[in-house]
Amino acid sequence: MVRLISLSGSLLEHFAFFQNRKMLYFFVLSHFLNRKLVQLFWKMLRANIGRCASEAPDIS
């Protein structure tokens, strides 16, 4: 990522393909929302796996 930014010269050049500022805000917001959702999803998944493991009979 750092190499990509240094190659493009500046952040403004890097985000030049965003026509307007609203699109950039939406992109950043959705990026952070996605990270939060993924963290929440993994937390729920781990909780479910733990519960299933405790309820399941011991196979070994």
Protein backbone atom coordinates (compact mmCIF):
# COMPACT_ATOMS: atom_id res chain seq x y z
CA MET A 1 0.00 0.00 0.00
CA VAL A 2 2.78 2.43 0.95
CA ARG A 3 4.67 1.60 -2.24
CA LEU A 4 1.51 2.22 -4.28
CA ILE A 5 0.99 5.65 -2.72
CA SER A 6 4.64 6.66 -3.18
CA LEU A 7 4.48 5.57 -6.83
CA SER A 8 1.39 7.67 -7.49
CA GLY A 9 3.09 10.62 -5.80
CA SER A 10 0.30 11.79 -3.53
CA LEU A 11 -2.97 10.70 -1.96
CA LEU A 12 -4.87 13.16 -4.15
CA GLU A 13 -3.45 11.49 -7.26
CA HIS A 14 -4.14 8.09 -5.73
CA PHE A 15 -7.82 8.95 -5.28
CA ALA A 16 -8.10 10.84 -8.57
CA PHE A 17 -10.47 8.20 -9.98
CA PHE A 18 -13.08 9.29 -7.41
CA GLN A 19 -15.01 11.91 -9.37
CA ASN A 20 -16.39 13.67 -6.31
CA ARG A 21 -15.72 13.88 -2.60
CA LYS A 22 -19.01 12.18 -1.67
CA MET A 23 -17.88 9.01 -3.44
CA LEU A 24 -14.60 9.07 -1.48
CA TYR A 25 -16.45 9.50 1.83
CA PHE A 26 -18.74 6.60 0.93
CA PHE A 27 -15.77 4.41 0.06
CA VAL A 28 -13.97 5.14 3.36
CA LEU A 29 -17.18 4.72 5.38
CA SER A 30 -18.06 1.41 3.72
CA HIS A 31 -14.48 0.19 4.28
CA PHE A 32 -14.68 0.82 8.04
CA LEU A 33 -18.23 -0.59 8.21
CA ASN A 34 -17.08 -3.73 6.42
CA ARG A 35 -14.24 -4.19 8.91
CA LYS A 36 -16.65 -3.81 11.85
CA LEU A 37 -19.12 -6.25 10.27
CA VAL A 38 -16.38 -8.80 9.59
CA GLN A 39 -15.14 -8.54 13.20
CA LEU A 40 -18.71 -8.99 14.46
CA PHE A 41 -19.24 -11.95 12.13
CA TRP A 42 -16.07 -13.70 13.34
CA LYS A 43 -17.00 -13.04 16.98
CA MET A 44 -20.44 -14.60 16.45
CA LEU A 45 -18.97 -17.51 14.50
CA ARG A 46 -16.42 -18.24 17.23
CA ALA A 47 -19.15 -18.09 19.89
CA ASN A 48 -21.29 -20.52 17.88
CA ILE A 49 -18.38 -22.93 17.34
CA GLY A 50 -17.59 -22.83 21.05
CA ARG A 51 -21.21 -23.55 21.97
CA CYS A 52 -21.50 -26.39 19.45
CA ALA A 53 -18.25 -27.90 20.69
CA SER A 54 -19.45 -27.83 24.30
CA GLU A 55 -22.86 -29.32 23.42
CA ALA A 56 -21.58 -31.99 21.06
CA PRO A 57 -20.79 -35.43 22.52
CA ASP A 58 -17.10 -36.30 22.76
CA ILE A 59 -16.26 -38.32 19.64
CA SER A 60 -12.73 -39.38 20.55
